[in-house]
Amino acid sequence: LGAGLWFYISWNIATLAGIFAGKFIPNLDSLGL
């Protein structure tokens, strides 16, 4: 549970950052992520 829940939280934080980065940083997919 600790491993799964912490990964779930980390994934959602990372995607939330990507959501806002996608609004302000154009062509984010071109960075090789």
PDB file of all heavy atoms in Angstrom:
ATOM      1  N   LEU A   1       0.830  -1.203   0.000  1.00  0.00           N
ATOM      2  CA  LEU A   1       0.000   0.000   0.000  1.00  0.00           C
ATOM      3  C   LEU A   1       0.865   1.253   0.000  1.00  0.00           C
ATOM      4  O   LEU A   1       0.564   2.216  -0.720  1.00  0.00           O
ATOM      5  CB  LEU A   1      -0.920  -0.003   1.224  1.00  0.00           C
ATOM      6  CG  LEU A   1      -1.846   1.209   1.366  1.00  0.00           C
ATOM      7  CD1 LEU A   1      -2.823   1.268   0.203  1.00  0.00           C
ATOM      8  CD2 LEU A   1      -2.603   1.150   2.690  1.00  0.00           C
ATOM      9  N   GLY A   2       1.931   1.262   0.793  1.00  0.00           N
ATOM     10  CA  GLY A   2       2.822   2.421   0.817  1.00  0.00           C
ATOM     11  C   GLY A   2       3.464   2.676  -0.533  1.00  0.00           C
ATOM     12  O   GLY A   2       3.523   3.814  -1.001  1.00  0.00           O
ATOM     13  N   ALA A   3       3.925   1.607  -1.174  1.00  0.00           N
ATOM     14  CA  ALA A   3       4.557   1.746  -2.486  1.00  0.00           C
ATOM     15  C   ALA A   3       3.545   2.201  -3.536  1.00  0.00           C
ATOM     16  O   ALA A   3       3.803   3.140  -4.308  1.00  0.00           O
ATOM     17  CB  ALA A   3       5.185   0.425  -2.896  1.00  0.00           C
ATOM     18  N   GLY A   4       2.377   1.543  -3.568  1.00  0.00           N
ATOM     19  CA  GLY A   4       1.379   1.869  -4.581  1.00  0.00           C
ATOM     20  C   GLY A   4       0.794   3.255  -4.411  1.00  0.00           C
ATOM     21  O   GLY A   4       0.632   3.999  -5.384  1.00  0.00           O
ATOM     22  N   LEU A   5       0.477   3.629  -3.169  1.00  0.00           N
ATOM     23  CA  LEU A   5      -0.144   4.929  -2.926  1.00  0.00           C
ATOM     24  C   LEU A   5       0.839   6.066  -3.162  1.00  0.00           C
ATOM     25  O   LEU A   5       0.466   7.108  -3.719  1.00  0.00           O
ATOM     26  CB  LEU A   5      -0.683   4.985  -1.498  1.00  0.00           C
ATOM     27  CG  LEU A   5      -1.539   6.210  -1.139  1.00  0.00           C
ATOM     28  CD1 LEU A   5      -2.740   6.319  -2.075  1.00  0.00           C
ATOM     29  CD2 LEU A   5      -2.002   6.136   0.314  1.00  0.00           C
ATOM     30  N   TRP A   6       2.083   5.875  -2.753  1.00  0.00           N
ATOM     31  CA  TRP A   6       3.072   6.932  -2.971  1.00  0.00           C
ATOM     32  C   TRP A   6       3.350   7.128  -4.450  1.00  0.00           C
ATOM     33  O   TRP A   6       3.534   8.249  -4.916  1.00  0.00           O
ATOM     34  CB  TRP A   6       4.357   6.615  -2.219  1.00  0.00           C
ATOM     35  CG  TRP A   6       5.360   7.727  -2.293  1.00  0.00           C
ATOM     36  CD1 TRP A   6       6.564   7.722  -2.919  1.00  0.00           C
ATOM     37  CD2 TRP A   6       5.221   9.037  -1.714  1.00  0.00           C
ATOM     38  NE1 TRP A   6       7.194   8.926  -2.790  1.00  0.00           N
ATOM     39  CE2 TRP A   6       6.392   9.760  -2.034  1.00  0.00           C
ATOM     40  CE3 TRP A   6       4.227   9.655  -0.950  1.00  0.00           C
ATOM     41  CZ2 TRP A   6       6.590  11.087  -1.626  1.00  0.00           C
ATOM     42  CZ3 TRP A   6       4.425  10.970  -0.551  1.00  0.00           C
ATOM     43  CH2 TRP A   6       5.597  11.660  -0.887  1.00  0.00           C
ATOM     44  N   PHE A   7       3.359   6.019  -5.211  1.00  0.00           N
ATOM     45  CA  PHE A   7       3.545   6.154  -6.653  1.00  0.00           C
ATOM     46  C   PHE A   7       2.341   6.846  -7.292  1.00  0.00           C
ATOM     47  O   PHE A   7       2.493   7.647  -8.217  1.00  0.00           O
ATOM     48  CB  PHE A   7       3.759   4.779  -7.294  1.00  0.00           C
ATOM     49  CG  PHE A   7       4.132   4.858  -8.751  1.00  0.00           C
ATOM     50  CD1 PHE A   7       5.433   5.126  -9.127  1.00  0.00           C
ATOM     51  CD2 PHE A   7       3.176   4.672  -9.738  1.00  0.00           C
ATOM     52  CE1 PHE A   7       5.772   5.219 -10.473  1.00  0.00           C
ATOM     53  CE2 PHE A   7       3.504   4.762 -11.075  1.00  0.00           C
ATOM     54  CZ  PHE A   7       4.814   5.033 -11.445  1.00  0.00           C
ATOM     55  N   TYR A   8       1.152   6.533  -6.800  1.00  0.00           N
ATOM     56  CA  TYR A   8      -0.069   7.176  -7.307  1.00  0.00           C
ATOM     57  C   TYR A   8      -0.012   8.687  -7.078  1.00  0.00           C
ATOM     58  O   TYR A   8      -0.316   9.479  -7.979  1.00  0.00           O
ATOM     59  CB  TYR A   8      -1.283   6.573  -6.610  1.00  0.00           C
ATOM     60  CG  TYR A   8      -2.603   7.211  -6.968  1.00  0.00           C
ATOM     61  CD1 TYR A   8      -3.235   6.919  -8.168  1.00  0.00           C
ATOM     62  CD2 TYR A   8      -3.220   8.111  -6.100  1.00  0.00           C
ATOM     63  CE1 TYR A   8      -4.453   7.503  -8.496  1.00  0.00           C
ATOM     64  CE2 TYR A   8      -4.428   8.694  -6.413  1.00  0.00           C
ATOM     65  CZ  TYR A   8      -5.041   8.392  -7.611  1.00  0.00           C
ATOM     66  OH  TYR A   8      -6.242   8.979  -7.933  1.00  0.00           O
ATOM     67  N   ILE A   9       0.388   9.096  -5.880  1.00  0.00           N
ATOM     68  CA  ILE A   9       0.490  10.522  -5.569  1.00  0.00           C
ATOM     69  C   ILE A   9       1.548  11.189  -6.448  1.00  0.00           C
ATOM     70  O   ILE A   9       1.329  12.274  -7.002  1.00  0.00           O
ATOM     71  CB  ILE A   9       0.810  10.719  -4.073  1.00  0.00           C
ATOM     72  CG1 ILE A   9      -0.360  10.249  -3.215  1.00  0.00           C
ATOM     73  CG2 ILE A   9       1.128  12.184  -3.770  1.00  0.00           C
ATOM     74  CD1 ILE A   9      -0.067  10.221  -1.726  1.00  0.00           C
ATOM     75  N   SER A  10       2.698  10.534  -6.598  1.00  0.00           N
ATOM     76  CA  SER A  10       3.783  11.096  -7.402  1.00  0.00           C
ATOM     77  C   SER A  10       3.374  11.242  -8.858  1.00  0.00           C
ATOM     78  O   SER A  10       3.689  12.252  -9.503  1.00  0.00           O
ATOM     79  CB  SER A  10       5.027  10.203  -7.289  1.00  0.00           C
ATOM     80  OG  SER A  10       5.459  10.094  -5.949  1.00  0.00           O
ATOM     81  N   TRP A  11       2.660  10.248  -9.369  1.00  0.00           N
ATOM     82  CA  TRP A  11       2.207  10.299 -10.765  1.00  0.00           C
ATOM     83  C   TRP A  11       1.244  11.467 -10.971  1.00  0.00           C
ATOM     84  O   TRP A  11       1.359  12.202 -11.956  1.00  0.00           O
ATOM     85  CB  TRP A  11       1.542   8.991 -11.149  1.00  0.00           C
ATOM     86  CG  TRP A  11       0.852   9.028 -12.485  1.00  0.00           C
ATOM     87  CD1 TRP A  11      -0.490   9.078 -12.721  1.00  0.00           C
ATOM     88  CD2 TRP A  11       1.479   9.040 -13.772  1.00  0.00           C
ATOM     89  NE1 TRP A  11      -0.736   9.126 -14.069  1.00  0.00           N
ATOM     90  CE2 TRP A  11       0.450   9.103 -14.740  1.00  0.00           C
ATOM     91  CE3 TRP A  11       2.801   9.010 -14.190  1.00  0.00           C
ATOM     92  CZ2 TRP A  11       0.721   9.132 -16.108  1.00  0.00           C
ATOM     93  CZ3 TRP A  11       3.070   9.029 -15.549  1.00  0.00           C
ATOM     94  CH2 TRP A  11       2.036   9.096 -16.490  1.00  0.00           C
ATOM     95  N   ASN A  12       0.332  11.648 -10.061  1.00  0.00           N
ATOM     96  CA  ASN A  12      -0.640  12.727 -10.218  1.00  0.00           C
ATOM     97  C   ASN A  12       0.009  14.099 -10.051  1.00  0.00           C
ATOM     98  O   ASN A  12      -0.390  15.060 -10.731  1.00  0.00           O
ATOM     99  CB  ASN A  12      -1.783  12.548  -9.214  1.00  0.00           C
ATOM    100  CG  ASN A  12      -2.809  11.535  -9.685  1.00  0.00           C
ATOM    101  OD1 ASN A  12      -3.744  11.865 -10.417  1.00  0.00           O
ATOM    102  ND2 ASN A  12      -2.644  10.284  -9.288  1.00  0.00           N
ATOM    103  N   ILE A  13       0.991  14.214  -9.195  1.00  0.00           N
ATOM    104  CA  ILE A  13       1.713  15.486  -9.066  1.00  0.00           C
ATOM    105  C   ILE A  13       2.480  15.790 -10.348  1.00  0.00           C
ATOM    106  O   ILE A  13       2.480  16.925 -10.840  1.00  0.00           O
ATOM    107  CB  ILE A  13       2.672  15.441  -7.857  1.00  0.00           C
ATOM    108  CG1 ILE A  13       1.879  15.405  -6.548  1.00  0.00           C
ATOM    109  CG2 ILE A  13       3.615  16.644  -7.870  1.00  0.00           C
ATOM    110  CD1 ILE A  13       2.744  15.239  -5.317  1.00  0.00           C
ATOM    111  N   ALA A  14       3.138  14.770 -10.905  1.00  0.00           N
ATOM    112  CA  ALA A  14       3.904  14.959 -12.141  1.00  0.00           C
ATOM    113  C   ALA A  14       3.004  15.336 -13.305  1.00  0.00           C
ATOM    114  O   ALA A  14       3.323  16.238 -14.092  1.00  0.00           O
ATOM    115  CB  ALA A  14       4.684  13.685 -12.468  1.00  0.00           C
ATOM    116  N   THR A  15       1.860  14.663 -13.435  1.00  0.00           N
ATOM    117  CA  THR A  15       0.952  14.995 -14.539  1.00  0.00           C
ATOM    118  C   THR A  15       0.304  16.363 -14.330  1.00  0.00           C
ATOM    119  O   THR A  15       0.050  17.086 -15.303  1.00  0.00           O
ATOM    120  CB  THR A  15      -0.142  13.927 -14.678  1.00  0.00           C
ATOM    121  OG1 THR A  15      -0.820  13.746 -13.433  1.00  0.00           O
ATOM    122  CG2 THR A  15       0.455  12.600 -15.116  1.00  0.00           C
ATOM    123  N   LEU A  16       0.044  16.734 -13.071  1.00  0.00           N
ATOM    124  CA  LEU A  16      -0.492  18.069 -12.795  1.00  0.00           C
ATOM    125  C   LEU A  16       0.503  19.141 -13.215  1.00  0.00           C
ATOM    126  O   LEU A  16       0.123  20.162 -13.808  1.00  0.00           O
ATOM    127  CB  LEU A  16      -0.828  18.202 -11.310  1.00  0.00           C
ATOM    128  CG  LEU A  16      -1.450  19.536 -10.874  1.00  0.00           C
ATOM    129  CD1 LEU A  16      -2.803  19.739 -11.556  1.00  0.00           C
ATOM    130  CD2 LEU A  16      -1.610  19.579  -9.364  1.00  0.00           C
ATOM    131  N   ALA A  17       1.789  18.893 -12.934  1.00  0.00           N
ATOM    132  CA  ALA A  17       2.817  19.829 -13.381  1.00  0.00           C
ATOM    133  C   ALA A  17       2.858  19.896 -14.901  1.00  0.00           C
ATOM    134  O   ALA A  17       3.031  20.980 -15.485  1.00  0.00           O
ATOM    135  CB  ALA A  17       4.179  19.412 -12.833  1.00  0.00           C
ATOM    136  N   GLY A  18       2.700  18.733 -15.552  1.00  0.00           N
ATOM    137  CA  GLY A  18       2.680  18.710 -17.007  1.00  0.00           C
ATOM    138  C   GLY A  18       1.478  19.422 -17.592  1.00  0.00           C
ATOM    139  O   GLY A  18       1.574  20.033 -18.661  1.00  0.00           O
ATOM    140  N   ILE A  19       0.349  19.353 -16.896  1.00  0.00           N
ATOM    141  CA  ILE A  19      -0.855  20.048 -17.362  1.00  0.00           C
ATOM    142  C   ILE A  19      -0.624  21.555 -17.423  1.00  0.00           C
ATOM    143  O   ILE A  19      -0.939  22.212 -18.416  1.00  0.00           O
ATOM    144  CB  ILE A  19      -2.044  19.720 -16.437  1.00  0.00           C
ATOM    145  CG1 ILE A  19      -2.479  18.262 -16.655  1.00  0.00           C
ATOM    146  CG2 ILE A  19      -3.213  20.671 -16.680  1.00  0.00           C
ATOM    147  CD1 ILE A  19      -3.461  17.753 -15.630  1.00  0.00           C
ATOM    148  N   PHE A  20      -0.035  22.101 -16.372  1.00  0.00           N
ATOM    149  CA  PHE A  20       0.218  23.536 -16.356  1.00  0.00           C
ATOM    150  C   PHE A  20       1.411  23.910 -17.228  1.00  0.00           C
ATOM    151  O   PHE A  20       1.425  24.976 -17.836  1.00  0.00           O
ATOM    152  CB  PHE A  20       0.430  24.011 -14.915  1.00  0.00           C
ATOM    153  CG  PHE A  20      -0.832  24.019 -14.109  1.00  0.00           C
ATOM    154  CD1 PHE A  20      -1.097  22.999 -13.215  1.00  0.00           C
ATOM    155  CD2 PHE A  20      -1.771  25.030 -14.267  1.00  0.00           C
ATOM    156  CE1 PHE A  20      -2.279  22.991 -12.475  1.00  0.00           C
ATOM    157  CE2 PHE A  20      -2.954  25.029 -13.546  1.00  0.00           C
ATOM    158  CZ  PHE A  20      -3.209  24.015 -12.641  1.00  0.00           C
ATOM    159  N   ALA A  21       2.402  23.022 -17.315  1.00  0.00           N
ATOM    160  CA  ALA A  21       3.537  23.284 -18.199  1.00  0.00           C
ATOM    161  C   ALA A  21       3.098  23.282 -19.659  1.00  0.00           C
ATOM    162  O   ALA A  21       3.588  24.062 -20.473  1.00  0.00           O
ATOM    163  CB  ALA A  21       4.629  22.243 -17.974  1.00  0.00           C
ATOM    164  N   GLY A  22       2.134  22.388 -19.973  1.00  0.00           N
ATOM    165  CA  GLY A  22       1.634  22.331 -21.335  1.00  0.00           C
ATOM    166  C   GLY A  22       0.895  23.576 -21.756  1.00  0.00           C
ATOM    167  O   GLY A  22       0.787  23.875 -22.955  1.00  0.00           O
ATOM    168  N   LYS A  23       0.389  24.319 -20.792  1.00  0.00           N
ATOM    169  CA  LYS A  23      -0.342  25.548 -21.111  1.00  0.00           C
ATOM    170  C   LYS A  23       0.611  26.715 -21.374  1.00  0.00           C
ATOM    171  O   LYS A  23       0.258  27.665 -22.057  1.00  0.00           O
ATOM    172  CB  LYS A  23      -1.277  25.918 -19.950  1.00  0.00           C
ATOM    173  CG  LYS A  23      -2.422  24.934 -19.758  1.00  0.00           C
ATOM    174  CD  LYS A  23      -3.199  25.227 -18.504  1.00  0.00           C
ATOM    175  CE  LYS A  23      -3.963  26.545 -18.603  1.00  0.00           C
ATOM    176  NZ  LYS A  23      -5.085  26.455 -19.552  1.00  0.00           N
ATOM    177  N   PHE A  24       1.829  26.618 -20.827  1.00  0.00           N
ATOM    178  CA  PHE A  24       2.745  27.756 -20.922  1.00  0.00           C
ATOM    179  C   PHE A  24       4.029  27.457 -21.684  1.00  0.00           C
ATOM    180  O   PHE A  24       4.701  28.383 -22.130  1.00  0.00           O
ATOM    181  CB  PHE A  24       3.106  28.241 -19.510  1.00  0.00           C
ATOM    182  CG  PHE A  24       1.924  28.667 -18.697  1.00  0.00           C
ATOM    183  CD1 PHE A  24       1.457  27.878 -17.654  1.00  0.00           C
ATOM    184  CD2 PHE A  24       1.241  29.840 -18.983  1.00  0.00           C
ATOM    185  CE1 PHE A  24       0.355  28.259 -16.899  1.00  0.00           C
ATOM    186  CE2 PHE A  24       0.141  30.229 -18.243  1.00  0.00           C
ATOM    187  CZ  PHE A  24      -0.300  29.445 -17.203  1.00  0.00           C
ATOM    188  N   ILE A  25       4.388  26.164 -21.814  1.00  0.00           N
ATOM    189  CA  ILE A  25       5.609  25.803 -22.534  1.00  0.00           C
ATOM    190  C   ILE A  25       5.221  25.107 -23.828  1.00  0.00           C
ATOM    191  O   ILE A  25       4.738  23.969 -23.803  1.00  0.00           O
ATOM    192  CB  ILE A  25       6.504  24.869 -21.687  1.00  0.00           C
ATOM    193  CG1 ILE A  25       6.838  25.528 -20.352  1.00  0.00           C
ATOM    194  CG2 ILE A  25       7.779  24.529 -22.455  1.00  0.00           C
ATOM    195  CD1 ILE A  25       7.652  24.645 -19.441  1.00  0.00           C
ATOM    196  N   PRO A  26       5.400  25.736 -24.970  1.00  0.00           N
ATOM    197  CA  PRO A  26       5.015  25.108 -26.236  1.00  0.00           C
ATOM    198  C   PRO A  26       5.978  23.986 -26.622  1.00  0.00           C
ATOM    199  O   PRO A  26       7.153  23.996 -26.258  1.00  0.00           O
ATOM    200  CB  PRO A  26       5.107  26.274 -27.239  1.00  0.00           C
ATOM    201  CG  PRO A  26       6.124  27.205 -26.641  1.00  0.00           C
ATOM    202  CD  PRO A  26       5.954  27.087 -25.157  1.00  0.00           C
ATOM    203  N   ASN A  27       5.445  23.020 -27.362  1.00  0.00           N
ATOM    204  CA  ASN A  27       6.249  21.917 -27.899  1.00  0.00           C
ATOM    205  C   ASN A  27       7.024  21.175 -26.804  1.00  0.00           C
ATOM    206  O   ASN A  27       8.206  20.864 -26.952  1.00  0.00           O
ATOM    207  CB  ASN A  27       7.227  22.436 -28.966  1.00  0.00           C
ATOM    208  CG  ASN A  27       6.517  23.105 -30.123  1.00  0.00           C
ATOM    209  OD1 ASN A  27       5.467  22.654 -30.575  1.00  0.00           O
ATOM    210  ND2 ASN A  27       7.087  24.201 -30.605  1.00  0.00           N
ATOM    211  N   LEU A  28       6.328  20.887 -25.709  1.00  0.00           N
ATOM    212  CA  LEU A  28       6.980  20.163 -24.620  1.00  0.00           C
ATOM    213  C   LEU A  28       7.384  18.760 -25.058  1.00  0.00           C
ATOM    214  O   LEU A  28       8.358  18.201 -24.543  1.00  0.00           O
ATOM    215  CB  LEU A  28       6.032  20.091 -23.417  1.00  0.00           C
ATOM    216  CG  LEU A  28       6.609  19.580 -22.095  1.00  0.00           C
ATOM    217  CD1 LEU A  28       7.713  20.492 -21.606  1.00  0.00           C
ATOM    218  CD2 LEU A  28       5.519  19.461 -21.036  1.00  0.00           C
ATOM    219  N   ASP A  29       6.650  18.208 -26.017  1.00  0.00           N
ATOM    220  CA  ASP A  29       6.959  16.860 -26.496  1.00  0.00           C
ATOM    221  C   ASP A  29       8.249  16.793 -27.301  1.00  0.00           C
ATOM    222  O   ASP A  29       8.764  15.707 -27.562  1.00  0.00           O
ATOM    223  CB  ASP A  29       5.794  16.315 -27.331  1.00  0.00           C
ATOM    224  CG  ASP A  29       5.460  17.217 -28.509  1.00  0.00           C
ATOM    225  OD1 ASP A  29       5.657  18.437 -28.398  1.00  0.00           O
ATOM    226  OD2 ASP A  29       5.001  16.685 -29.539  1.00  0.00           O
ATOM    227  N   SER A  30       8.782  17.954 -27.705  1.00  0.00           N
ATOM    228  CA  SER A  30      10.009  17.976 -28.498  1.00  0.00           C
ATOM    229  C   SER A  30      11.262  17.912 -27.635  1.00  0.00           C
ATOM    230  O   SER A  30      12.375  17.893 -28.153  1.00  0.00           O
ATOM    231  CB  SER A  30      10.055  19.245 -29.360  1.00  0.00           C
ATOM    232  OG  SER A  30      10.116  20.404 -28.540  1.00  0.00           O
ATOM    233  N   LEU A  31      11.098  17.872 -26.318  1.00  0.00           N
ATOM    234  CA  LEU A  31      12.243  17.868 -25.408  1.00  0.00           C
ATOM    235  C   LEU A  31      12.791  16.471 -25.155  1.00  0.00           C
ATOM    236  O   LEU A  31      13.728  16.299 -24.380  1.00  0.00           O
ATOM    237  CB  LEU A  31      11.851  18.518 -24.066  1.00  0.00           C
ATOM    238  CG  LEU A  31      11.372  19.968 -24.143  1.00  0.00           C
ATOM    239  CD1 LEU A  31      11.010  20.476 -22.753  1.00  0.00           C
ATOM    240  CD2 LEU A  31      12.449  20.865 -24.772  1.00  0.00           C
ATOM    241  N   GLY A  32      12.179  15.465 -25.772  1.00  0.00           N
ATOM    242  CA  GLY A  32      12.665  14.097 -25.608  1.00  0.00           C
ATOM    243  C   GLY A  32      12.236  13.437 -24.308  1.00  0.00           C
ATOM    244  O   GLY A  32      12.853  12.465 -23.866  1.00  0.00           O
ATOM    245  N   LEU A  33      11.162  13.960 -23.696  1.00  0.00           N
ATOM    246  CA  LEU A  33      10.709  13.391 -22.431  1.00  0.00           C
ATOM    247  C   LEU A  33      10.149  11.984 -22.599  1.00  0.00           C
ATOM    248  O   LEU A  33      10.072  11.237 -21.622  1.00  0.00           O
ATOM    249  CB  LEU A  33       9.640  14.297 -21.802  1.00  0.00           C
ATOM    250  CG  LEU A  33      10.088  15.711 -21.422  1.00  0.00           C
ATOM    251  CD1 LEU A  33       8.913  16.491 -20.842  1.00  0.00           C
ATOM    252  CD2 LEU A  33      11.245  15.676 -20.438  1.00  0.00           C
TER     253      LEU A  33
END
